[in-house]
Amino acid sequence: MAKRGGFPGGMPGNMNNLMKQAQRMQRQMEENQKELETKEFTAKAGGGAVEVTVTGKKEVTKVKLSEEAVDPDDIETLEDLVMAATNEALRMADAANAEAMNKMTGGLSMGGGFPF
């Protein structure tokens, strides 16, 4: 007569290990996220005329303008430089986040394609 309940071949132990691994990974992800949020990413535009710093939380913390970047007759160029530097700093933060996630998951994609 077959046993009722449980999984043949010791599956409950494997599930327990999987749960522990998932919890450990979640803790590591939370720690990495906190660490990333404290990091700063700085990008420059216009040969260094504009410098923007953002945090891993994607908050702008600093904008530095050189005197030659400030031309009252050409505000549009300054606006473009600020935008370019900000976007690059945000890309740097995104790349750092993606790299941290890649290290955690070993490149495992959890997207819709399920590579496993």
PDB file of N, CA and C in Angstrom:
ATOM      1  N   MET A   1       0.839  -1.174   0.000  1.00  0.00           N
ATOM      2  CA  MET A   1       0.000   0.000   0.000  1.00  0.00           C
ATOM      3  C   MET A   1       0.889   1.243   0.000  1.00  0.00           C
ATOM      4  N   ALA A   2       0.565   2.209  -0.821  1.00  0.00           N
ATOM      5  CA  ALA A   2       1.360   3.430  -0.957  1.00  0.00           C
ATOM      6  C   ALA A   2       1.164   4.340   0.244  1.00  0.00           C
ATOM      7  N   LYS A   3       2.246   5.037   0.619  1.00  0.00           N
ATOM      8  CA  LYS A   3       2.150   6.001   1.712  1.00  0.00           C
ATOM      9  C   LYS A   3       1.402   7.226   1.224  1.00  0.00           C
ATOM     10  N   ARG A   4       0.633   7.801   2.101  1.00  0.00           N
ATOM     11  CA  ARG A   4      -0.091   9.028   1.763  1.00  0.00           C
ATOM     12  C   ARG A   4       0.699  10.225   2.268  1.00  0.00           C
ATOM     13  N   GLY A   5       0.608  11.319   1.522  1.00  0.00           N
ATOM     14  CA  GLY A   5       1.275  12.553   1.953  1.00  0.00           C
ATOM     15  C   GLY A   5       2.758  12.517   1.655  1.00  0.00           C
ATOM     16  N   GLY A   6       3.371  13.648   1.691  1.00  0.00           N
ATOM     17  CA  GLY A   6       4.808  13.754   1.461  1.00  0.00           C
ATOM     18  C   GLY A   6       5.179  13.472   0.015  1.00  0.00           C
ATOM     19  N   PHE A   7       6.472  13.470  -0.223  1.00  0.00           N
ATOM     20  CA  PHE A   7       6.986  13.220  -1.569  1.00  0.00           C
ATOM     21  C   PHE A   7       7.950  12.056  -1.498  1.00  0.00           C
ATOM     22  N   PRO A   8       7.891  11.134  -2.441  1.00  0.00           N
ATOM     23  CA  PRO A   8       8.836  10.021  -2.441  1.00  0.00           C
ATOM     24  C   PRO A   8      10.250  10.524  -2.722  1.00  0.00           C
ATOM     25  N   GLY A   9      11.223   9.821  -2.176  1.00  0.00           N
ATOM     26  CA  GLY A   9      12.615  10.154  -2.477  1.00  0.00           C
ATOM     27  C   GLY A   9      13.171  11.318  -1.687  1.00  0.00           C
ATOM     28  N   GLY A  10      12.589  11.676  -0.584  1.00  0.00           N
ATOM     29  CA  GLY A  10      13.150  12.721   0.273  1.00  0.00           C
ATOM     30  C   GLY A  10      12.907  14.131  -0.219  1.00  0.00           C
ATOM     31  N   MET A  11      11.901  14.375  -0.966  1.00  0.00           N
ATOM     32  CA  MET A  11      11.619  15.703  -1.513  1.00  0.00           C
ATOM     33  C   MET A  11      11.402  16.764  -0.438  1.00  0.00           C
ATOM     34  N   PRO A  12      10.772  16.462   0.705  1.00  0.00           N
ATOM     35  CA  PRO A  12      10.583  17.516   1.714  1.00  0.00           C
ATOM     36  C   PRO A  12      11.896  18.144   2.168  1.00  0.00           C
ATOM     37  N   GLY A  13      12.945  17.354   2.300  1.00  0.00           N
ATOM     38  CA  GLY A  13      14.247  17.896   2.684  1.00  0.00           C
ATOM     39  C   GLY A  13      14.773  18.848   1.628  1.00  0.00           C
ATOM     40  N   ASN A  14      14.590  18.495   0.378  1.00  0.00           N
ATOM     41  CA  ASN A  14      15.040  19.360  -0.714  1.00  0.00           C
ATOM     42  C   ASN A  14      14.259  20.659  -0.722  1.00  0.00           C
ATOM     43  N   MET A  15      12.962  20.584  -0.469  1.00  0.00           N
ATOM     44  CA  MET A  15      12.141  21.794  -0.421  1.00  0.00           C
ATOM     45  C   MET A  15      12.596  22.695   0.719  1.00  0.00           C
ATOM     46  N   ASN A  16      12.934  22.073   1.846  1.00  0.00           N
ATOM     47  CA  ASN A  16      13.414  22.830   2.998  1.00  0.00           C
ATOM     48  C   ASN A  16      14.711  23.558   2.644  1.00  0.00           C
ATOM     49  N   ASN A  17      15.611  22.853   1.964  1.00  0.00           N
ATOM     50  CA  ASN A  17      16.873  23.482   1.537  1.00  0.00           C
ATOM     51  C   ASN A  17      16.613  24.619   0.559  1.00  0.00           C
ATOM     52  N   LEU A  18      15.685  24.416  -0.369  1.00  0.00           N
ATOM     53  CA  LEU A  18      15.350  25.466  -1.323  1.00  0.00           C
ATOM     54  C   LEU A  18      14.808  26.699  -0.613  1.00  0.00           C
ATOM     55  N   MET A  19      13.967  26.480   0.382  1.00  0.00           N
ATOM     56  CA  MET A  19      13.410  27.608   1.138  1.00  0.00           C
ATOM     57  C   MET A  19      14.510  28.363   1.877  1.00  0.00           C
ATOM     58  N   LYS A  20      15.449  27.627   2.465  1.00  0.00           N
ATOM     59  CA  LYS A  20      16.564  28.267   3.165  1.00  0.00           C
ATOM     60  C   LYS A  20      17.427  29.069   2.194  1.00  0.00           C
ATOM     61  N   GLN A  21      17.678  28.497   1.027  1.00  0.00           N
ATOM     62  CA  GLN A  21      18.470  29.203   0.024  1.00  0.00           C
ATOM     63  C   GLN A  21      17.747  30.466  -0.444  1.00  0.00           C
ATOM     64  N   ALA A  22      16.441  30.366  -0.640  1.00  0.00           N
ATOM     65  CA  ALA A  22      15.660  31.530  -1.073  1.00  0.00           C
ATOM     66  C   ALA A  22      15.693  32.622  -0.007  1.00  0.00           C
ATOM     67  N   GLN A  23      15.570  32.241   1.254  1.00  0.00           N
ATOM     68  CA  GLN A  23      15.617  33.227   2.334  1.00  0.00           C
ATOM     69  C   GLN A  23      16.997  33.878   2.413  1.00  0.00           C
ATOM     70  N   ARG A  24      18.047  33.069   2.240  1.00  0.00           N
ATOM     71  CA  ARG A  24      19.413  33.600   2.274  1.00  0.00           C
ATOM     72  C   ARG A  24      19.622  34.573   1.107  1.00  0.00           C
ATOM     73  N   MET A  25      19.114  34.199  -0.064  1.00  0.00           N
ATOM     74  CA  MET A  25      19.249  35.069  -1.234  1.00  0.00           C
ATOM     75  C   MET A  25      18.481  36.371  -1.027  1.00  0.00           C
ATOM     76  N   GLN A  26      17.311  36.285  -0.422  1.00  0.00           N
ATOM     77  CA  GLN A  26      16.521  37.491  -0.167  1.00  0.00           C
ATOM     78  C   GLN A  26      17.265  38.425   0.784  1.00  0.00           C
ATOM     79  N   ARG A  27      17.874  37.879   1.829  1.00  0.00           N
ATOM     80  CA  ARG A  27      18.658  38.704   2.759  1.00  0.00           C
ATOM     81  C   ARG A  27      19.826  39.371   2.037  1.00  0.00           C
ATOM     82  N   GLN A  28      20.514  38.605   1.186  1.00  0.00           N
ATOM     83  CA  GLN A  28      21.641  39.158   0.438  1.00  0.00           C
ATOM     84  C   GLN A  28      21.172  40.269  -0.498  1.00  0.00           C
ATOM     85  N   MET A  29      20.030  40.062  -1.140  1.00  0.00           N
ATOM     86  CA  MET A  29      19.500  41.079  -2.043  1.00  0.00           C
ATOM     87  C   MET A  29      19.167  42.351  -1.278  1.00  0.00           C
ATOM     88  N   GLU A  30      18.582  42.220  -0.096  1.00  0.00           N
ATOM     89  CA  GLU A  30      18.246  43.385   0.719  1.00  0.00           C
ATOM     90  C   GLU A  30      19.513  44.124   1.145  1.00  0.00           C
ATOM     91  N   GLU A  31      20.548  43.369   1.528  1.00  0.00           N
ATOM     92  CA  GLU A  31      21.813  43.993   1.932  1.00  0.00           C
ATOM     93  C   GLU A  31      22.458  44.709   0.754  1.00  0.00           C
ATOM     94  N   ASN A  32      22.460  44.043  -0.406  1.00  0.00           N
ATOM     95  CA  ASN A  32      23.030  44.675  -1.605  1.00  0.00           C
ATOM     96  C   ASN A  32      22.270  45.930  -1.985  1.00  0.00           C
ATOM     97  N   GLN A  33      20.942  45.899  -1.864  1.00  0.00           N
ATOM     98  CA  GLN A  33      20.125  47.059  -2.207  1.00  0.00           C
ATOM     99  C   GLN A  33      20.443  48.228  -1.279  1.00  0.00           C
ATOM    100  N   LYS A  34      20.568  47.948   0.021  1.00  0.00           N
ATOM    101  CA  LYS A  34      20.910  49.006   0.975  1.00  0.00           C
ATOM    102  C   LYS A  34      22.280  49.596   0.663  1.00  0.00           C
ATOM    103  N   GLU A  35      23.222  48.719   0.339  1.00  0.00           N
ATOM    104  CA  GLU A  35      24.572  49.181   0.011  1.00  0.00           C
ATOM    105  C   GLU A  35      24.552  50.025  -1.260  1.00  0.00           C
ATOM    106  N   LEU A  36      23.811  49.568  -2.260  1.00  0.00           N
ATOM    107  CA  LEU A  36      23.732  50.298  -3.520  1.00  0.00           C
ATOM    108  C   LEU A  36      23.093  51.669  -3.324  1.00  0.00           C
ATOM    109  N   GLU A  37      22.101  51.760  -2.459  1.00  0.00           N
ATOM    110  CA  GLU A  37      21.418  53.028  -2.217  1.00  0.00           C
ATOM    111  C   GLU A  37      22.348  54.081  -1.633  1.00  0.00           C
ATOM    112  N   THR A  38      23.401  53.650  -0.954  1.00  0.00           N
ATOM    113  CA  THR A  38      24.329  54.610  -0.346  1.00  0.00           C
ATOM    114  C   THR A  38      25.438  55.022  -1.304  1.00  0.00           C
ATOM    115  N   LYS A  39      25.601  54.289  -2.399  1.00  0.00           N
ATOM    116  CA  LYS A  39      26.650  54.626  -3.363  1.00  0.00           C
ATOM    117  C   LYS A  39      26.249  55.840  -4.181  1.00  0.00           C
ATOM    118  N   GLU A  40      27.266  56.534  -4.677  1.00  0.00           N
ATOM    119  CA  GLU A  40      27.027  57.690  -5.528  1.00  0.00           C
ATOM    120  C   GLU A  40      27.667  57.449  -6.891  1.00  0.00           C
ATOM    121  N   PHE A  41      27.013  57.972  -7.912  1.00  0.00           N
ATOM    122  CA  PHE A  41      27.473  57.825  -9.285  1.00  0.00           C
ATOM    123  C   PHE A  41      27.548  59.220  -9.899  1.00  0.00           C
ATOM    124  N   THR A  42      28.721  59.559 -10.430  1.00  0.00           N
ATOM    125  CA  THR A  42      28.938  60.893 -10.975  1.00  0.00           C
ATOM    126  C   THR A  42      29.252  60.783 -12.456  1.00  0.00           C
ATOM    127  N   ALA A  43      28.601  61.626 -13.239  1.00  0.00           N
ATOM    128  CA  ALA A  43      28.850  61.680 -14.676  1.00  0.00           C
ATOM    129  C   ALA A  43      29.070  63.124 -15.083  1.00  0.00           C
ATOM    130  N   LYS A  44      29.857  63.286 -16.144  1.00  0.00           N
ATOM    131  CA  LYS A  44      30.175  64.622 -16.647  1.00  0.00           C
ATOM    132  C   LYS A  44      29.705  64.753 -18.089  1.00  0.00           C
ATOM    133  N   ALA A  45      29.463  65.988 -18.500  1.00  0.00           N
ATOM    134  CA  ALA A  45      29.106  66.292 -19.886  1.00  0.00           C
ATOM    135  C   ALA A  45      29.800  67.585 -20.289  1.00  0.00           C
ATOM    136  N   GLY A  46      29.928  67.778 -21.581  1.00  0.00           N
ATOM    137  CA  GLY A  46      30.563  69.003 -22.075  1.00  0.00           C
ATOM    138  C   GLY A  46      32.009  69.097 -21.679  1.00  0.00           C
ATOM    139  N   GLY A  47      32.715  67.957 -21.712  1.00  0.00           N
ATOM    140  CA  GLY A  47      34.131  67.978 -21.343  1.00  0.00           C
ATOM    141  C   GLY A  47      34.355  68.306 -19.885  1.00  0.00           C
ATOM    142  N   GLY A  48      33.396  68.010 -19.035  1.00  0.00           N
ATOM    143  CA  GLY A  48      33.520  68.290 -17.612  1.00  0.00           C
ATOM    144  C   GLY A  48      32.909  69.608 -17.187  1.00  0.00           C
ATOM    145  N   ALA A  49      32.286  70.314 -18.121  1.00  0.00           N
ATOM    146  CA  ALA A  49      31.667  71.598 -17.787  1.00  0.00           C
ATOM    147  C   ALA A  49      30.482  71.424 -16.856  1.00  0.00           C
ATOM    148  N   VAL A  50      29.828  70.250 -16.945  1.00  0.00           N
ATOM    149  CA  VAL A  50      28.686  69.931 -16.083  1.00  0.00           C
ATOM    150  C   VAL A  50      28.953  68.579 -15.445  1.00  0.00           C
ATOM    151  N   GLU A  51      28.716  68.493 -14.150  1.00  0.00           N
ATOM    152  CA  GLU A  51      28.913  67.256 -13.410  1.00  0.00           C
ATOM    153  C   GLU A  51      27.686  67.023 -12.539  1.00  0.00           C
ATOM    154  N   VAL A  52      27.113  65.822 -12.635  1.00  0.00           N
ATOM    155  CA  VAL A  52      25.920  65.486 -11.859  1.00  0.00           C
ATOM    156  C   VAL A  52      26.199  64.212 -11.070  1.00  0.00           C
ATOM    157  N   THR A  53      25.783  64.208  -9.805  1.00  0.00           N
ATOM    158  CA  THR A  53      25.939  63.044  -8.942  1.00  0.00           C
ATOM    159  C   THR A  53      24.565  62.577  -8.495  1.00  0.00           C
ATOM    160  N   VAL A  54      24.341  61.257  -8.606  1.00  0.00           N
ATOM    161  CA  VAL A  54      23.096  60.650  -8.141  1.00  0.00           C
ATOM    162  C   VAL A  54      23.433  59.502  -7.201  1.00  0.00           C
ATOM    163  N   THR A  55      22.458  59.127  -6.382  1.00  0.00           N
ATOM    164  CA  THR A  55      22.628  57.976  -5.502  1.00  0.00           C
ATOM    165  C   THR A  55      22.053  56.737  -6.181  1.00  0.00           C
ATOM    166  N   GLY A  56      22.295  55.590  -5.565  1.00  0.00           N
ATOM    167  CA  GLY A  56      21.699  54.349  -6.048  1.00  0.00           C
ATOM    168  C   GLY A  56      20.192  54.364  -5.949  1.00  0.00           C
ATOM    169  N   LYS A  57      19.652  55.289  -5.169  1.00  0.00           N
ATOM    170  CA  LYS A  57      18.197  55.460  -5.068  1.00  0.00           C
ATOM    171  C   LYS A  57      17.679  56.359  -6.179  1.00  0.00           C
ATOM    172  N   LYS A  58      18.591  56.759  -7.063  1.00  0.00           N
ATOM    173  CA  LYS A  58      18.281  57.607  -8.217  1.00  0.00           C
ATOM    174  C   LYS A  58      17.810  58.997  -7.810  1.00  0.00           C
ATOM    175  N   GLU A  59      18.459  59.531  -6.791  1.00  0.00           N
ATOM    176  CA  GLU A  59      18.198  60.895  -6.352  1.00  0.00           C
ATOM    177  C   GLU A  59      19.415  61.743  -6.695  1.00  0.00           C
ATOM    178  N   VAL A  60      19.179  62.892  -7.299  1.00  0.00           N
ATOM    179  CA  VAL A  60      20.273  63.804  -7.622  1.00  0.00           C
ATOM    180  C   VAL A  60      20.730  64.453  -6.319  1.00  0.00           C
ATOM    181  N   THR A  61      22.024  64.329  -6.038  1.00  0.00           N
ATOM    182  CA  THR A  61      22.551  64.899  -4.798  1.00  0.00           C
ATOM    183  C   THR A  61      23.462  66.089  -5.045  1.00  0.00           C
ATOM    184  N   LYS A  62      23.942  66.222  -6.310  1.00  0.00           N
ATOM    185  CA  LYS A  62      24.872  67.314  -6.562  1.00  0.00           C
ATOM    186  C   LYS A  62      24.873  67.650  -8.051  1.00  0.00           C
ATOM    187  N   VAL A  63      24.878  68.938  -8.351  1.00  0.00           N
ATOM    188  CA  VAL A  63      25.046  69.436  -9.712  1.00  0.00           C
ATOM    189  C   VAL A  63      26.142  70.486  -9.648  1.00  0.00           C
ATOM    190  N   LYS A  64      27.184  70.279 -10.431  1.00  0.00           N
ATOM    191  CA  LYS A  64      28.310  71.208 -10.439  1.00  0.00           C
ATOM    192  C   LYS A  64      28.456  71.766 -11.852  1.00  0.00           C
ATOM    193  N   LEU A  65      28.498  73.094 -11.958  1.00  0.00           N
ATOM    194  CA  LEU A  65      28.618  73.766 -13.250  1.00  0.00           C
ATOM    195  C   LEU A  65      29.897  74.593 -13.270  1.00  0.00           C
ATOM    196  N   SER A  66      30.631  74.486 -14.357  1.00  0.00           N
ATOM    197  CA  SER A  66      31.797  75.364 -14.492  1.00  0.00           C
ATOM    198  C   SER A  66      31.311  76.713 -15.017  1.00  0.00           C
ATOM    199  N   GLU A  67      32.080  77.742 -14.778  1.00  0.00           N
ATOM    200  CA  GLU A  67      31.681  79.092 -15.206  1.00  0.00           C
ATOM    201  C   GLU A  67      31.461  79.180 -16.709  1.00  0.00           C
ATOM    202  N   GLU A  68      32.298  78.485 -17.472  1.00  0.00           N
ATOM    203  CA  GLU A  68      32.165  78.572 -18.928  1.00  0.00           C
ATOM    204  C   GLU A  68      30.905  77.874 -19.449  1.00  0.00           C
ATOM    205  N   ALA A  69      30.290  77.031 -18.623  1.00  0.00           N
ATOM    206  CA  ALA A  69      29.044  76.360 -19.036  1.00  0.00           C
ATOM    207  C   ALA A  69      27.842  77.294 -18.913  1.00  0.00           C
ATOM    208  N   VAL A  70      27.997  78.359 -18.138  1.00  0.00           N
ATOM    209  CA  VAL A  70      26.882  79.267 -17.886  1.00  0.00           C
ATOM    210  C   VAL A  70      26.978  80.470 -18.825  1.00  0.00           C
ATOM    211  N   ASP A  71      26.218  80.384 -19.895  1.00  0.00           N
ATOM    212  CA  ASP A  71      26.164  81.466 -20.880  1.00  0.00           C
ATOM    213  C   ASP A  71      24.714  81.934 -20.952  1.00  0.00           C
ATOM    214  N   PRO A  72      24.420  83.126 -20.450  1.00  0.00           N
ATOM    215  CA  PRO A  72      23.036  83.601 -20.441  1.00  0.00           C
ATOM    216  C   PRO A  72      22.397  83.643 -21.824  1.00  0.00           C
ATOM    217  N   ASP A  73      23.207  83.711 -22.855  1.00  0.00           N
ATOM    218  CA  ASP A  73      22.676  83.757 -24.214  1.00  0.00           C
ATOM    219  C   ASP A  73      22.450  82.360 -24.799  1.00  0.00           C
ATOM    220  N   ASP A  74      22.867  81.322 -24.061  1.00  0.00           N
ATOM    221  CA  ASP A  74      22.728  79.961 -24.580  1.00  0.00           C
ATOM    222  C   ASP A  74      22.313  79.006 -23.461  1.00  0.00           C
ATOM    223  N   ILE A  75      21.167  79.242 -22.889  1.00  0.00           N
ATOM    224  CA  ILE A  75      20.642  78.406 -21.801  1.00  0.00           C
ATOM    225  C   ILE A  75      20.365  76.985 -22.287  1.00  0.00           C
ATOM    226  N   GLU A  76      19.949  76.839 -23.540  1.00  0.00           N
ATOM    227  CA  GLU A  76      19.597  75.517 -24.072  1.00  0.00           C
ATOM    228  C   GLU A  76      20.769  74.547 -24.009  1.00  0.00           C
ATOM    229  N   THR A  77      21.959  75.012 -24.302  1.00  0.00           N
ATOM    230  CA  THR A  77      23.129  74.131 -24.241  1.00  0.00           C
ATOM    231  C   THR A  77      23.361  73.664 -22.812  1.00  0.00           C
ATOM    232  N   LEU A  78      23.255  74.566 -21.862  1.00  0.00           N
ATOM    233  CA  LEU A  78      23.419  74.198 -20.459  1.00  0.00           C
ATOM    234  C   LEU A  78      22.365  73.177 -20.046  1.00  0.00           C
ATOM    235  N   GLU A  79      21.130  73.388 -20.448  1.00  0.00           N
ATOM    236  CA  GLU A  79      20.059  72.439 -20.137  1.00  0.00           C
ATOM    237  C   GLU A  79      20.373  71.062 -20.722  1.00  0.00           C
ATOM    238  N   ASP A  80      20.851  71.027 -21.954  1.00  0.00           N
ATOM    239  CA  ASP A  80      21.204  69.755 -22.598  1.00  0.00           C
ATOM    240  C   ASP A  80      22.340  69.050 -21.861  1.00  0.00           C
ATOM    241  N   LEU A  81      23.335  69.825 -21.421  1.00  0.00           N
ATOM    242  CA  LEU A  81      24.466  69.236 -20.708  1.00  0.00           C
ATOM    243  C   LEU A  81      24.039  68.658 -19.359  1.00  0.00           C
ATOM    244  N   VAL A  82      23.179  69.379 -18.648  1.00  0.00           N
ATOM    245  CA  VAL A  82      22.678  68.885 -17.355  1.00  0.00           C
ATOM    246  C   VAL A  82      21.882  67.600 -17.572  1.00  0.00           C
ATOM    247  N   MET A  83      21.033  67.600 -18.595  1.00  0.00           N
ATOM    248  CA  MET A  83      20.232  66.420 -18.888  1.00  0.00           C
ATOM    249  C   MET A  83      21.128  65.231 -19.258  1.00  0.00           C
ATOM    250  N   ALA A  84      22.128  65.464 -20.096  1.00  0.00           N
ATOM    251  CA  ALA A  84      23.022  64.390 -20.520  1.00  0.00           C
ATOM    252  C   ALA A  84      23.792  63.806 -19.346  1.00  0.00           C
ATOM    253  N   ALA A  85      24.329  64.656 -18.490  1.00  0.00           N
ATOM    254  CA  ALA A  85      25.088  64.181 -17.331  1.00  0.00           C
ATOM    255  C   ALA A  85      24.183  63.423 -16.363  1.00  0.00           C
ATOM    256  N   THR A  86      22.976  63.920 -16.157  1.00  0.00           N
ATOM    257  CA  THR A  86      22.037  63.252 -15.252  1.00  0.00           C
ATOM    258  C   THR A  86      21.662  61.881 -15.793  1.00  0.00           C
ATOM    259  N   ASN A  87      21.334  61.808 -17.066  1.00  0.00           N
ATOM    260  CA  ASN A  87      20.959  60.525 -17.660  1.00  0.00           C
ATOM    261  C   ASN A  87      22.106  59.520 -17.599  1.00  0.00           C
ATOM    262  N   GLU A  88      23.330  59.969 -17.825  1.00  0.00           N
ATOM    263  CA  GLU A  88      24.475  59.071 -17.762  1.00  0.00           C
ATOM    264  C   GLU A  88      24.695  58.573 -16.329  1.00  0.00           C
ATOM    265  N   ALA A  89      24.566  59.452 -15.348  1.00  0.00           N
ATOM    266  CA  ALA A  89      24.722  59.034 -13.947  1.00  0.00           C
ATOM    267  C   ALA A  89      23.643  58.015 -13.572  1.00  0.00           C
ATOM    268  N   LEU A  90      22.424  58.226 -14.042  1.00  0.00           N
ATOM    269  CA  LEU A  90      21.344  57.268 -13.780  1.00  0.00           C
ATOM    270  C   LEU A  90      21.613  55.931 -14.452  1.00  0.00           C
ATOM    271  N   ARG A  91      22.176  55.955 -15.664  1.00  0.00           N
ATOM    272  CA  ARG A  91      22.547  54.705 -16.342  1.00  0.00           C
ATOM    273  C   ARG A  91      23.621  53.966 -15.557  1.00  0.00           C
ATOM    274  N   MET A  92      24.555  54.711 -14.983  1.00  0.00           N
ATOM    275  CA  MET A  92      25.603  54.096 -14.176  1.00  0.00           C
ATOM    276  C   MET A  92      25.004  53.405 -12.954  1.00  0.00           C
ATOM    277  N   ALA A  93      24.036  54.054 -12.307  1.00  0.00           N
ATOM    278  CA  ALA A  93      23.366  53.459 -11.145  1.00  0.00           C
ATOM    279  C   ALA A  93      22.611  52.203 -11.562  1.00  0.00           C
ATOM    280  N   ASP A  94      21.913  52.247 -12.688  1.00  0.00           N
ATOM    281  CA  ASP A  94      21.194  51.073 -13.189  1.00  0.00           C
ATOM    282  C   ASP A  94      22.147  49.930 -13.493  1.00  0.00           C
ATOM    283  N   ALA A  95      23.281  50.244 -14.107  1.00  0.00           N
ATOM    284  CA  ALA A  95      24.256  49.214 -14.447  1.00  0.00           C
ATOM    285  C   ALA A  95      24.825  48.568 -13.190  1.00  0.00           C
ATOM    286  N   ALA A  96      25.087  49.354 -12.169  1.00  0.00           N
ATOM    287  CA  ALA A  96      25.599  48.812 -10.903  1.00  0.00           C
ATOM    288  C   ALA A  96      24.558  47.901 -10.268  1.00  0.00           C
ATOM    289  N   ASN A  97      23.294  48.298 -10.330  1.00  0.00           N
ATOM    290  CA  ASN A  97      22.220  47.485  -9.788  1.00  0.00           C
ATOM    291  C   ASN A  97      22.108  46.169 -10.560  1.00  0.00           C
ATOM    292  N   ALA A  98      22.153  46.239 -11.880  1.00  0.00           N
ATOM    293  CA  ALA A  98      22.061  45.038 -12.704  1.00  0.00           C
ATOM    294  C   ALA A  98      23.239  44.104 -12.439  1.00  0.00           C
ATOM    295  N   GLU A  99      24.425  44.666 -12.270  1.00  0.00           N
ATOM    296  CA  GLU A  99      25.608  43.856 -11.987  1.00  0.00           C
ATOM    297  C   GLU A  99      25.468  43.146 -10.643  1.00  0.00           C
ATOM    298  N   ALA A 100      24.972  43.859  -9.636  1.00  0.00           N
ATOM    299  CA  ALA A 100      24.771  43.248  -8.320  1.00  0.00           C
ATOM    300  C   ALA A 100      23.755  42.115  -8.406  1.00  0.00           C
ATOM    301  N   MET A 101      22.685  42.323  -9.148  1.00  0.00           N
ATOM    302  CA  MET A 101      21.666  41.279  -9.303  1.00  0.00           C
ATOM    303  C   MET A 101      22.224  40.083 -10.069  1.00  0.00           C
ATOM    304  N   ASN A 102      23.035  40.343 -11.067  1.00  0.00           N
ATOM    305  CA  ASN A 102      23.646  39.270 -11.851  1.00  0.00           C
ATOM    306  C   ASN A 102      24.541  38.396 -10.983  1.00  0.00           C
ATOM    307  N   LYS A 103      25.304  39.040 -10.103  1.00  0.00           N
ATOM    308  CA  LYS A 103      26.170  38.288  -9.191  1.00  0.00           C
ATOM    309  C   LYS A 103      25.338  37.418  -8.255  1.00  0.00           C
ATOM    310  N   MET A 104      24.204  37.950  -7.813  1.00  0.00           N
ATOM    311  CA  MET A 104      23.347  37.215  -6.883  1.00  0.00           C
ATOM    312  C   MET A 104      22.697  36.011  -7.550  1.00  0.00           C
ATOM    313  N   THR A 105      22.230  36.197  -8.759  1.00  0.00           N
ATOM    314  CA  THR A 105      21.470  35.143  -9.418  1.00  0.00           C
ATOM    315  C   THR A 105      22.326  34.290 -10.333  1.00  0.00           C
ATOM    316  N   GLY A 106      23.582  34.644 -10.478  1.00  0.00           N
ATOM    317  CA  GLY A 106      24.448  33.882 -11.361  1.00  0.00           C
ATOM    318  C   GLY A 106      24.022  33.961 -12.815  1.00  0.00           C
ATOM    319  N   GLY A 107      23.378  35.055 -13.189  1.00  0.00           N
ATOM    320  CA  GLY A 107      22.934  35.237 -14.562  1.00  0.00           C
ATOM    321  C   GLY A 107      21.603  34.592 -14.854  1.00  0.00           C
ATOM    322  N   LEU A 108      20.970  33.990 -13.853  1.00  0.00           N
ATOM    323  CA  LEU A 108      19.671  33.345 -14.040  1.00  0.00           C
ATOM    324  C   LEU A 108      18.625  34.398 -14.352  1.00  0.00           C
ATOM    325  N   SER A 109      17.971  34.234 -15.457  1.00  0.00           N
ATOM    326  CA  SER A 109      16.937  35.187 -15.852  1.00  0.00           C
ATOM    327  C   SER A 109      15.607  34.758 -15.260  1.00  0.00           C
ATOM    328  N   MET A 110      14.947  35.676 -14.587  1.00  0.00           N
ATOM    329  CA  MET A 110      13.638  35.355 -13.999  1.00  0.00           C
ATOM    330  C   MET A 110      12.526  36.009 -14.816  1.00  0.00           C
ATOM    331  N   GLY A 111      12.855  36.433 -16.025  1.00  0.00           N
ATOM    332  CA  GLY A 111      11.870  37.070 -16.885  1.00  0.00           C
ATOM    333  C   GLY A 111      10.855  36.061 -17.391  1.00  0.00           C
ATOM    334  N   GLY A 112      10.063  36.467 -18.345  1.00  0.00           N
ATOM    335  CA  GLY A 112       9.002  35.633 -18.857  1.00  0.00           C
ATOM    336  C   GLY A 112       9.477  34.411 -19.607  1.00  0.00           C
ATOM    337  N   GLY A 113      10.751  34.360 -20.006  1.00  0.00           N
ATOM    338  CA  GLY A 113      11.237  33.268 -20.832  1.00  0.00           C
ATOM    339  C   GLY A 113      11.605  32.001 -20.083  1.00  0.00           C
ATOM    340  N   PHE A 114      11.754  32.023 -18.789  1.00  0.00           N
ATOM    341  CA  PHE A 114      12.150  30.873 -17.976  1.00  0.00           C
ATOM    342  C   PHE A 114      13.205  30.011 -18.675  1.00  0.00           C
ATOM    343  N   PRO A 115      14.469  30.358 -18.545  1.00  0.00           N
ATOM    344  CA  PRO A 115      15.527  29.663 -19.267  1.00  0.00           C
ATOM    345  C   PRO A 115      15.839  28.282 -18.714  1.00  0.00           C
ATOM    346  N   PHE A 116      15.208  27.850 -17.636  1.00  0.00           N
ATOM    347  CA  PHE A 116      15.576  26.559 -17.042  1.00  0.00           C
ATOM    348  C   PHE A 116      14.672  25.455 -17.448  1.00  0.00           C
TER     349      PHE A 116
END
